[in-house]
Amino acid sequence: MIITNTEVINKITKEVLTLFKVTDDLNIESDLTNGVVTSHLKINGKTFTEIGKINPAEREGAEIHRLIKRNLYNIFIREFDKEPAPYGIMHGVRPTKIIHRWLRTMHNDFNYQKIVDRIKDDYLVSDEKAKLLTEVALEQIPILKNSDEKTISIYIGIPFCITRCLYCSFPSNVLPNDKKVSEFMAALKRDVEAAKIEIDKYNFKVQNIYIGGGTPTSLPNIFFNQMLEMIYEAFYNKNVIEFTVECGRPDTITPEKILAMQSNKVTRVSVNPQTMQQRTLDKIGRRHTPEDIIRAFNELKKNGDWQINMDLILGLPGENVSDVKDSVKKVLALNPDDVTVHALALKRGSRLQMNLDDNINTLDDFNLPSDETVRDMSKVADFLIRSAGYKPYYLYRQGYMSGQIENIGYCRGGAVGIYNVQIMDERQTIIGIGGAATTKVVDFKNNCLQSSFNAKDLITYVRDVEYYIEKRSALLKKIYGQEVI
């Protein structure tokens, strides 16, 4: 049987070609016979062939797609001397979900080495990354077990920042005037009230509250305090384990905001330097100094009983391994509870990618580190962070990542970010409120996830908030039915 699903095959092919930076026009065909997928790549009058056998324990459609991708990957490695990628043919955002799916079918009767070997064989992942994925997935098991169909998280999107970073593709807006902020706050209040009705209706238990963006602390003090009080009064109760606010930029953190977070029982905050190199901060559009980062961290540490996260980015313009080593050491010297290391991703919508799309600028114009250099940066960061007593506990990937590696969160013992684990595994319903927020509802009966999206555009969200409230309500009703108190 010749496999002719053109849309899916084109997607799979594009992923492999993008991975190896191949731009040639290739003729690729695949067929399925007696449980074996055979793929042919034809170029310059030559045909290269690879086969893969379907695992009968897996869903056939997904297996066919995996094997076509695996076959093409092997052809490029074998016939065209392409370098193996750290994550092989794994392309999704949440690779640990694959392991958790396996564990559920194994009823947690697992063997560490068997999982590592299966990841390497099925997805051609390197030994180093297969071990990392397995380590992270097993670390998450106790957290994922501490949930059920009625346990949920709340995400609140505050779509404002004080400036837009060079690499940022998030749907955030440079902070507008007070009139526009007031209009957003009115829409947010209506959104919160409607979500509270749904939570009470279905007897949900709120485990985590997460306020993100954007940069929530970019709100002026009075609006920030109003927002926090609104969220606290609507959702905080004895079931809440974690209440997080992304403070993000140190130049948005004020004594008034620290007091507001303390008064509303916030348990987790973030200060995200991205780098501790001043020349890089200037280049990416940040209006603060490394000293501002240290000041903000110390003020938060001194004035609140909460855990503090810090983020760094590998692969920023003009940086080298020594810069990353210096930034990591300076962050670790502050003794944060959680450090997340991101790899720069060239995303659509960012100023960086738009500059690259103008047919004038190239990667060399921005002096971006090579993939090999970014992988070296990652190894240095991992060694330093682990040596300081942190363990990796959540991991995700994005398209077009520098170094073809991952974003990974490390924490001290007892400081796991529960929301980070839940959002990545997608086994807990998350109600999205605010600008660009997404509601993700887990359908446990049919073992699938369905979503409802708020507008990314601020004007549309404010104008049509009732429409987005109704969409969310309809989705919850569809999945949870009439399970009212």
Protein backbone atom coordinates (compact mmCIF):
# COMPACT_ATOMS: atom_id res chain seq x y z
CA MET A 1 0.00 0.00 0.00
CA ILE A 2 1.48 3.33 -1.08
CA ILE A 3 1.18 5.99 1.64
CA THR A 4 -0.35 9.07 0.04
CA ASN A 5 -1.42 11.41 2.89
CA THR A 6 0.33 14.35 1.28
CA GLU A 7 -0.25 16.90 4.07
CA VAL A 8 1.19 14.70 6.81
CA ILE A 9 4.05 13.40 4.67
CA ASN A 10 4.98 16.94 3.64
CA LYS A 11 5.06 17.98 7.32
CA ILE A 12 7.25 15.02 8.26
CA THR A 13 9.55 15.62 5.32
CA LYS A 14 9.87 19.32 6.13
CA GLU A 15 10.84 18.51 9.72
CA VAL A 16 13.69 16.27 8.56
CA LEU A 17 14.87 18.68 5.87
CA THR A 18 14.80 21.59 8.33
CA LEU A 19 16.72 19.52 10.87
CA PHE A 20 19.52 18.92 8.37
CA LYS A 21 19.22 22.33 6.67
CA VAL A 22 18.50 20.69 3.31
CA THR A 23 16.91 22.91 0.65
CA ASP A 24 17.05 20.56 -2.37
CA ASP A 25 13.87 19.52 -4.17
CA LEU A 26 13.64 15.80 -3.34
CA ASN A 27 11.37 12.98 -4.52
CA ILE A 28 10.30 10.92 -1.50
CA GLU A 29 7.91 7.96 -1.48
CA SER A 30 6.85 5.49 1.22
CA ASP A 31 4.72 2.34 1.27
CA LEU A 32 3.34 -0.07 3.87
CA THR A 33 3.46 -3.84 3.33
CA ASN A 34 2.93 -6.52 6.00
CA GLY A 35 3.69 -4.16 8.87
CA VAL A 36 6.86 -2.76 7.27
CA VAL A 37 7.22 0.85 6.16
CA THR A 38 9.63 1.28 3.23
CA SER A 39 10.81 4.77 2.27
CA HIS A 40 12.61 5.80 -0.93
CA LEU A 41 14.52 9.02 -1.47
CA LYS A 42 15.30 9.79 -5.12
CA ILE A 43 17.87 12.41 -6.11
CA ASN A 44 20.08 12.89 -9.17
CA GLY A 45 19.00 9.59 -10.67
CA LYS A 46 19.85 7.62 -7.53
CA THR A 47 17.41 5.95 -5.12
CA PHE A 48 18.13 5.43 -1.42
CA THR A 49 15.93 3.08 0.60
CA GLU A 50 15.29 2.44 4.30
CA ILE A 51 12.77 0.22 6.09
CA GLY A 52 11.19 0.17 9.55
CA LYS A 53 8.91 -2.36 11.25
CA ILE A 54 5.70 -1.21 12.94
CA ASN A 55 5.34 -1.84 16.67
CA PRO A 56 1.90 -3.55 16.95
CA ALA A 57 1.45 -2.17 20.49
CA GLU A 58 1.34 1.39 19.12
CA ARG A 59 -1.36 3.17 17.11
CA GLU A 60 -0.75 2.32 13.45
CA GLY A 61 -1.13 5.83 12.05
CA ALA A 62 1.35 7.33 14.49
CA GLU A 63 3.75 4.43 13.91
CA ILE A 64 3.66 4.94 10.12
CA HIS A 65 4.50 8.62 10.52
CA ARG A 66 7.30 7.90 13.01
CA LEU A 67 8.84 5.27 10.74
CA ILE A 68 8.73 7.45 7.63
CA LYS A 69 10.54 10.16 9.57
CA ARG A 70 12.98 7.64 11.05
CA ASN A 71 13.69 6.17 7.60
CA LEU A 72 14.43 9.57 6.06
CA TYR A 73 16.62 10.54 9.01
CA ASN A 74 18.66 7.33 8.65
CA ILE A 75 19.09 7.88 4.91
CA PHE A 76 20.50 11.37 5.46
CA ILE A 77 22.86 10.16 8.18
CA ARG A 78 24.07 7.15 6.22
CA GLU A 79 24.17 8.45 2.65
CA PHE A 80 24.84 12.16 3.01
CA ASP A 81 27.14 12.27 6.07
CA LYS A 82 24.78 14.43 8.11
CA GLU A 83 25.56 14.84 11.81
CA PRO A 84 23.09 13.06 14.12
CA ALA A 85 20.87 15.48 16.03
CA PRO A 86 20.83 15.29 19.85
CA TYR A 87 17.10 14.51 19.86
CA GLY A 88 17.04 12.45 16.68
CA ILE A 89 13.56 12.53 15.16
CA MET A 90 11.82 13.86 18.28
CA HIS A 91 10.13 17.07 17.17
CA GLY A 92 7.36 17.80 19.68
CA VAL A 93 7.36 20.38 22.44
CA ARG A 94 6.82 17.86 25.25
CA PRO A 95 9.05 14.79 24.74
CA THR A 96 8.61 13.48 28.31
CA LYS A 97 4.91 12.91 27.54
CA ILE A 98 5.98 9.93 25.44
CA ILE A 99 7.68 8.34 28.44
CA HIS A 100 4.71 9.00 30.72
CA ARG A 101 2.43 7.37 28.15
CA TRP A 102 4.67 4.31 28.14
CA LEU A 103 4.70 4.23 31.95
CA ARG A 104 0.89 4.29 32.10
CA THR A 105 0.69 1.25 29.83
CA MET A 106 3.39 -0.44 31.91
CA HIS A 107 1.47 0.39 35.11
CA ASN A 108 4.72 1.93 36.42
CA ASP A 109 6.45 -1.44 36.26
CA PHE A 110 9.37 0.19 34.53
CA ASN A 111 13.07 -0.30 34.12
CA TYR A 112 15.27 2.78 33.71
CA GLN A 113 17.60 1.26 31.14
CA LYS A 114 14.75 -0.18 29.07
CA ILE A 115 13.19 3.27 28.79
CA VAL A 116 16.53 4.80 27.76
CA ASP A 117 17.08 2.08 25.16
CA ARG A 118 13.59 2.46 23.73
CA ILE A 119 13.96 6.23 23.33
CA LYS A 120 17.26 5.70 21.53
CA ASP A 121 15.86 3.00 19.24
CA ASP A 122 12.43 4.47 18.45
CA TYR A 123 13.47 8.11 18.09
CA LEU A 124 17.25 7.89 17.49
CA VAL A 125 17.90 10.18 20.45
CA SER A 126 21.48 10.38 21.71
CA ASP A 127 22.42 8.41 24.82
CA GLU A 128 22.96 11.66 26.77
CA LYS A 129 19.53 13.09 25.91
CA ALA A 130 17.74 9.74 26.36
CA LYS A 131 19.10 9.55 29.91
CA LEU A 132 18.13 13.17 30.56
CA LEU A 133 14.55 12.60 29.35
CA THR A 134 14.20 9.48 31.48
CA GLU A 135 15.65 11.21 34.54
CA VAL A 136 13.22 14.12 34.20
CA ALA A 137 10.17 11.91 33.51
CA LEU A 138 10.81 9.73 36.56
CA GLU A 139 11.33 12.81 38.73
CA GLN A 140 7.85 14.01 37.74
CA ILE A 141 5.89 10.87 38.67
CA PRO A 142 5.05 11.85 42.30
CA ILE A 143 3.83 15.28 41.16
CA LEU A 144 1.62 13.90 38.40
CA LYS A 145 0.11 11.34 40.76
CA ASN A 146 -0.99 14.13 43.10
CA SER A 147 -3.86 15.16 40.83
CA ASP A 148 -7.19 13.88 39.53
CA GLU A 149 -9.98 14.81 37.10
CA LYS A 150 -11.26 17.61 39.32
CA THR A 151 -7.86 19.07 40.28
CA ILE A 152 -6.98 22.01 38.04
CA SER A 153 -4.63 24.93 37.59
CA ILE A 154 -5.42 28.55 36.76
CA TYR A 155 -3.40 30.58 34.26
CA ILE A 156 -3.83 34.36 34.08
CA GLY A 157 -2.32 36.17 31.09
CA ILE A 158 -1.18 39.77 31.60
CA PRO A 159 -0.11 40.73 28.05
CA PHE A 160 2.11 43.73 28.81
CA CYS A 161 5.85 44.42 28.87
CA ILE A 162 7.78 47.66 29.25
CA THR A 163 9.81 46.92 26.09
CA ARG A 164 9.92 44.10 23.55
CA CYS A 165 13.07 41.97 23.53
CA LEU A 166 14.82 41.17 20.26
CA TYR A 167 13.96 37.44 20.41
CA CYS A 168 10.45 37.69 21.89
CA SER A 169 7.49 36.25 19.98
CA PHE A 170 4.97 36.24 22.83
CA PRO A 171 1.73 38.13 22.16
CA SER A 172 2.56 40.93 24.57
CA ASN A 173 2.10 44.68 24.18
CA VAL A 174 4.34 47.51 25.25
CA LEU A 175 2.55 48.92 28.30
CA PRO A 176 -0.16 51.37 27.06
CA ASN A 177 -1.63 54.39 28.87
CA ASP A 178 -3.76 54.04 32.00
CA LYS A 179 -7.02 54.25 30.04
CA LYS A 180 -6.13 51.19 27.96
CA VAL A 181 -4.91 49.32 31.04
CA SER A 182 -8.19 50.13 32.81
CA GLU A 183 -10.13 48.70 29.89
CA PHE A 184 -8.08 45.52 30.08
CA MET A 185 -8.61 45.28 33.84
CA ALA A 186 -12.39 45.54 33.37
CA ALA A 187 -12.34 42.70 30.84
CA LEU A 188 -10.06 40.66 33.10
CA LYS A 189 -12.44 41.15 36.05
CA ARG A 190 -15.34 39.84 33.98
CA ASP A 191 -13.21 36.89 32.82
CA VAL A 192 -12.20 36.04 36.41
CA GLU A 193 -15.80 36.20 37.65
CA ALA A 194 -16.97 33.88 34.89
CA ALA A 195 -14.14 31.40 35.56
CA LYS A 196 -15.02 31.39 39.28
CA ILE A 197 -18.59 30.40 38.40
CA GLU A 198 -17.31 27.46 36.34
CA ILE A 199 -14.97 26.31 39.10
CA ASP A 200 -17.77 26.33 41.66
CA LYS A 201 -20.19 24.70 39.22
CA TYR A 202 -17.97 21.67 38.61
CA ASN A 203 -16.51 21.52 42.11
CA PHE A 204 -12.97 21.91 40.82
CA LYS A 205 -10.03 21.99 43.23
CA VAL A 206 -7.48 24.66 42.31
CA GLN A 207 -3.98 23.29 42.87
CA ASN A 208 -1.90 26.02 41.20
CA ILE A 209 -2.38 29.67 40.24
CA TYR A 210 0.06 31.04 37.70
CA ILE A 211 0.17 34.69 36.59
CA GLY A 212 2.26 35.09 33.45
CA GLY A 213 2.44 37.15 30.32
CA GLY A 214 4.11 39.31 29.13
CA THR A 215 5.48 40.61 32.37
CA PRO A 216 2.72 40.96 35.00
CA THR A 217 4.86 43.31 37.10
CA SER A 218 4.98 45.77 34.20
CA LEU A 219 1.53 46.88 35.40
CA PRO A 220 1.64 50.12 37.40
CA ASN A 221 1.51 49.53 41.16
CA ILE A 222 -2.18 50.31 41.61
CA PHE A 223 -3.29 48.04 38.77
CA PHE A 224 -0.94 45.26 39.88
CA ASN A 225 -2.39 45.33 43.39
CA GLN A 226 -5.96 45.29 42.03
CA MET A 227 -5.14 42.35 39.79
CA LEU A 228 -3.57 40.31 42.59
CA GLU A 229 -6.44 40.96 45.00
CA MET A 230 -8.92 39.99 42.31
CA ILE A 231 -7.16 36.67 41.66
CA TYR A 232 -6.65 35.92 45.34
CA GLU A 233 -10.27 36.53 46.28
CA ALA A 234 -11.60 34.45 43.39
CA PHE A 235 -9.35 31.41 43.48
CA TYR A 236 -7.19 31.11 46.59
CA ASN A 237 -8.27 28.44 49.09
CA LYS A 238 -6.88 25.59 51.19
CA ASN A 239 -6.26 23.40 48.11
CA VAL A 240 -3.82 25.83 46.50
CA ILE A 241 -0.26 24.52 46.74
CA GLU A 242 1.48 27.00 44.48
CA PHE A 243 0.75 30.65 43.59
CA THR A 244 3.26 32.00 41.07
CA VAL A 245 3.84 35.48 39.67
CA GLU A 246 6.28 36.06 36.84
CA CYS A 247 8.13 39.20 37.89
CA GLY A 248 10.48 38.77 34.97
CA ARG A 249 12.36 42.00 34.54
CA PRO A 250 14.07 43.45 37.59
CA ASP A 251 13.20 47.00 36.50
CA THR A 252 9.49 46.25 37.04
CA ILE A 253 9.84 45.05 40.63
CA THR A 254 8.94 47.69 43.23
CA PRO A 255 8.51 47.62 47.03
CA GLU A 256 4.76 48.14 46.53
CA LYS A 257 4.51 45.08 44.29
CA ILE A 258 6.54 42.97 46.68
CA LEU A 259 4.17 43.95 49.49
CA ALA A 260 1.14 43.16 47.30
CA MET A 261 2.48 39.68 46.50
CA GLN A 262 3.27 39.06 50.15
CA SER A 263 -0.22 40.19 51.25
CA ASN A 264 -1.91 37.90 48.70
CA LYS A 265 0.07 34.79 49.69
CA VAL A 266 2.16 34.37 46.54
CA THR A 267 4.48 31.39 47.01
CA ARG A 268 6.72 31.59 43.94
CA VAL A 269 8.21 34.50 41.97
CA SER A 270 10.72 34.93 39.18
CA VAL A 271 13.56 37.26 38.33
CA ASN A 272 14.67 36.51 34.78
CA PRO A 273 18.04 38.01 33.86
CA GLN A 274 18.43 35.93 30.63
CA THR A 275 22.10 36.92 30.82
CA MET A 276 24.39 38.72 33.24
CA GLN A 277 26.37 40.37 30.42
CA GLN A 278 25.62 44.09 30.09
CA ARG A 279 26.52 44.32 26.40
CA THR A 280 24.04 41.52 25.65
CA LEU A 281 21.28 43.10 27.73
CA ASP A 282 21.74 46.29 25.70
CA LYS A 283 21.70 44.36 22.43
CA ILE A 284 18.47 42.43 23.14
CA GLY A 285 16.54 45.49 24.31
CA ARG A 286 16.59 45.19 28.11
CA ARG A 287 16.67 48.41 30.09
CA HIS A 288 18.41 47.13 33.18
CA THR A 289 21.83 46.10 34.41
CA PRO A 290 23.17 42.93 36.04
CA GLU A 291 23.33 44.96 39.25
CA ASP A 292 19.57 45.62 38.95
CA ILE A 293 19.01 41.87 38.79
CA ILE A 294 20.98 41.31 41.99
CA ARG A 295 19.17 44.19 43.71
CA ALA A 296 15.72 42.89 42.74
CA PHE A 297 16.58 39.33 43.78
CA ASN A 298 17.84 40.44 47.19
CA GLU A 299 14.77 42.63 47.78
CA LEU A 300 12.49 39.71 47.00
CA LYS A 301 14.54 37.35 49.17
CA LYS A 302 14.53 39.78 52.07
CA ASN A 303 10.85 40.68 51.97
CA GLY A 304 8.98 37.49 51.17
CA ASP A 305 8.72 33.83 52.15
CA TRP A 306 8.65 32.43 48.63
CA GLN A 307 10.67 30.41 46.19
CA ILE A 308 12.51 32.36 43.50
CA ASN A 309 13.03 31.22 39.90
CA MET A 310 15.65 32.61 37.52
CA ASP A 311 15.88 32.13 33.74
CA LEU A 312 18.89 32.21 31.44
CA ILE A 313 19.06 31.96 27.63
CA LEU A 314 21.81 30.21 25.69
CA GLY A 315 22.72 31.38 22.20
CA LEU A 316 22.14 35.12 22.60
CA PRO A 317 23.82 37.45 20.07
CA GLY A 318 27.55 37.81 20.53
CA GLU A 319 27.86 35.49 23.52
CA ASN A 320 30.39 32.70 23.94
CA VAL A 321 30.88 29.82 26.36
CA SER A 322 32.81 32.02 28.80
CA ASP A 323 29.91 34.50 28.92
CA VAL A 324 27.46 31.71 29.77
CA LYS A 325 29.81 30.32 32.42
CA ASP A 326 30.06 33.77 34.00
CA SER A 327 26.26 34.32 33.90
CA VAL A 328 25.51 30.92 35.44
CA LYS A 329 28.04 31.45 38.23
CA LYS A 330 26.60 34.88 39.05
CA VAL A 331 23.06 33.51 39.14
CA LEU A 332 24.06 30.54 41.32
CA ALA A 333 25.83 32.90 43.71
CA LEU A 334 22.39 34.34 44.53
CA ASN A 335 21.20 30.87 45.58
CA PRO A 336 17.82 30.80 43.75
CA ASP A 337 15.45 27.88 44.26
CA ASP A 338 14.97 27.20 40.56
CA VAL A 339 17.06 27.89 37.45
CA THR A 340 15.64 27.39 33.96
CA VAL A 341 18.06 27.33 31.05
CA HIS A 342 16.53 28.12 27.65
CA ALA A 343 18.04 27.78 24.20
CA LEU A 344 17.35 30.73 21.92
CA ALA A 345 14.59 29.92 19.45
CA LEU A 346 14.20 31.87 16.21
CA LYS A 347 10.43 32.34 16.33
CA ARG A 348 8.03 33.93 13.89
CA GLY A 349 6.84 37.27 15.23
CA SER A 350 10.10 38.15 16.97
CA ARG A 351 12.04 41.23 15.86
CA LEU A 352 15.03 38.96 15.32
CA GLN A 353 13.20 36.64 12.91
CA MET A 354 11.54 39.53 11.09
CA ASN A 355 14.97 41.05 10.54
CA LEU A 356 16.18 37.72 9.15
CA ASP A 357 13.16 37.54 6.84
CA ASP A 358 13.86 40.89 5.19
CA ASN A 359 16.36 39.36 2.70
CA ILE A 360 18.94 41.87 3.91
CA ASN A 361 20.05 40.61 7.31
CA THR A 362 21.57 37.18 7.98
CA LEU A 363 22.42 35.22 11.11
CA ASP A 364 26.02 36.46 10.79
CA ASP A 365 24.78 40.05 11.15
CA PHE A 366 23.57 39.23 14.66
CA ASN A 367 26.67 37.22 15.58
CA LEU A 368 24.60 34.29 16.84
CA PRO A 369 26.60 31.37 18.26
CA SER A 370 26.76 28.18 16.19
CA ASP A 371 24.78 25.09 17.15
CA GLU A 372 27.98 23.43 18.31
CA THR A 373 28.81 26.41 20.54
CA VAL A 374 25.30 26.41 22.03
CA ARG A 375 25.65 22.71 22.85
CA ASP A 376 28.94 23.49 24.58
CA MET A 377 27.19 26.27 26.51
CA SER A 378 24.53 23.78 27.59
CA LYS A 379 27.10 21.29 28.86
CA VAL A 380 28.87 23.98 30.90
CA ALA A 381 25.59 25.26 32.37
CA ASP A 382 24.41 21.74 33.20
CA PHE A 383 27.67 20.86 34.95
CA LEU A 384 27.71 24.04 37.05
CA ILE A 385 24.04 23.86 38.02
CA ARG A 386 24.13 20.15 38.95
CA SER A 387 27.37 20.70 40.88
CA ALA A 388 25.56 23.35 42.93
CA GLY A 389 22.99 20.76 44.05
CA TYR A 390 20.15 21.30 41.56
CA LYS A 391 18.31 18.51 39.70
CA PRO A 392 16.48 18.72 36.35
CA TYR A 393 12.71 18.31 36.77
CA TYR A 394 10.96 19.66 33.67
CA LEU A 395 11.93 19.94 30.04
CA TYR A 396 10.43 21.13 26.79
CA ARG A 397 11.53 21.86 23.25
CA GLN A 398 10.63 24.38 20.56
CA GLY A 399 11.05 24.61 16.82
CA TYR A 400 14.21 26.20 15.43
CA MET A 401 16.10 26.04 18.71
CA SER A 402 19.77 26.95 18.79
CA GLY A 403 21.86 23.82 19.18
CA GLN A 404 18.79 21.62 18.57
CA ILE A 405 18.69 21.04 22.33
CA GLU A 406 16.04 21.85 24.98
CA ASN A 407 14.75 24.22 27.62
CA ILE A 408 15.28 22.66 31.02
CA GLY A 409 14.33 23.60 34.56
CA TYR A 410 16.50 22.68 37.55
CA CYS A 411 15.54 23.04 41.21
CA ARG A 412 16.74 22.43 44.70
CA GLY A 413 15.21 19.60 46.72
CA GLY A 414 11.65 20.51 47.72
CA ALA A 415 11.44 23.42 45.27
CA VAL A 416 9.80 21.76 42.26
CA GLY A 417 7.59 24.12 40.25
CA ILE A 418 4.39 22.07 40.20
CA TYR A 419 2.67 24.16 37.53
CA ASN A 420 5.68 23.74 35.24
CA VAL A 421 5.29 19.96 35.41
CA GLN A 422 1.51 20.03 34.93
CA ILE A 423 1.57 22.36 31.92
CA MET A 424 4.19 20.22 30.21
CA ASP A 425 2.57 16.82 30.72
CA GLU A 426 -0.94 18.05 29.84
CA ARG A 427 -2.69 15.64 32.22
CA GLN A 428 -4.39 18.36 34.25
CA THR A 429 -7.11 20.78 33.13
CA ILE A 430 -5.85 24.37 33.06
CA ILE A 431 -8.33 27.25 32.89
CA GLY A 432 -6.93 30.21 30.96
CA ILE A 433 -7.98 33.76 31.85
CA GLY A 434 -6.81 37.05 30.35
CA GLY A 435 -4.99 38.15 27.24
CA ALA A 436 -3.72 35.35 24.95
CA ALA A 437 -4.54 32.74 27.60
CA THR A 438 -5.42 29.16 26.62
CA THR A 439 -7.83 26.85 28.41
CA LYS A 440 -6.74 23.21 28.12
CA VAL A 441 -9.34 20.66 29.20
CA VAL A 442 -8.32 17.03 29.68
CA ASP A 443 -10.92 14.54 28.48
CA PHE A 444 -10.02 11.58 30.69
CA LYS A 445 -12.72 9.34 29.21
CA ASN A 446 -11.40 9.65 25.66
CA ASN A 447 -7.78 10.26 26.65
CA CYS A 448 -7.40 13.51 24.72
CA LEU A 449 -6.95 17.24 25.26
CA GLN A 450 -9.18 20.01 23.91
CA SER A 451 -8.41 23.71 23.97
CA SER A 452 -10.08 27.11 23.85
CA PHE A 453 -8.02 30.19 23.01
CA ASN A 454 -8.45 33.81 24.07
CA ALA A 455 -7.48 36.44 21.51
CA LYS A 456 -3.81 37.29 21.26
CA ASP A 457 -4.70 40.79 20.15
CA LEU A 458 -5.42 43.05 23.15
CA ILE A 459 -8.14 45.11 21.45
CA THR A 460 -9.98 41.97 20.33
CA TYR A 461 -9.78 40.36 23.76
CA VAL A 462 -11.19 43.44 25.53
CA ARG A 463 -13.95 43.92 22.95
CA ASP A 464 -14.99 40.26 22.71
CA VAL A 465 -14.33 38.94 26.22
CA GLU A 466 -17.90 37.59 26.49
CA TYR A 467 -17.34 35.49 23.38
CA TYR A 468 -14.20 33.91 24.86
CA ILE A 469 -15.95 33.29 28.17
CA GLU A 470 -18.74 31.46 26.32
CA LYS A 471 -16.25 29.37 24.34
CA ARG A 472 -14.53 28.27 27.55
CA SER A 473 -17.85 27.51 29.22
CA ALA A 474 -19.01 25.40 26.26
CA LEU A 475 -15.78 23.40 26.28
CA LEU A 476 -16.00 22.69 30.01
CA LYS A 477 -19.62 21.62 29.63
CA LYS A 478 -18.73 19.33 26.74
CA ILE A 479 -16.07 17.49 28.75
CA TYR A 480 -17.42 17.64 32.30
CA GLY A 481 -21.12 17.52 31.39
CA GLN A 482 -23.58 18.33 34.15
CA GLU A 483 -21.36 17.28 37.06
CA VAL A 484 -22.51 20.08 39.32
CA ILE A 485 -22.50 20.22 43.11
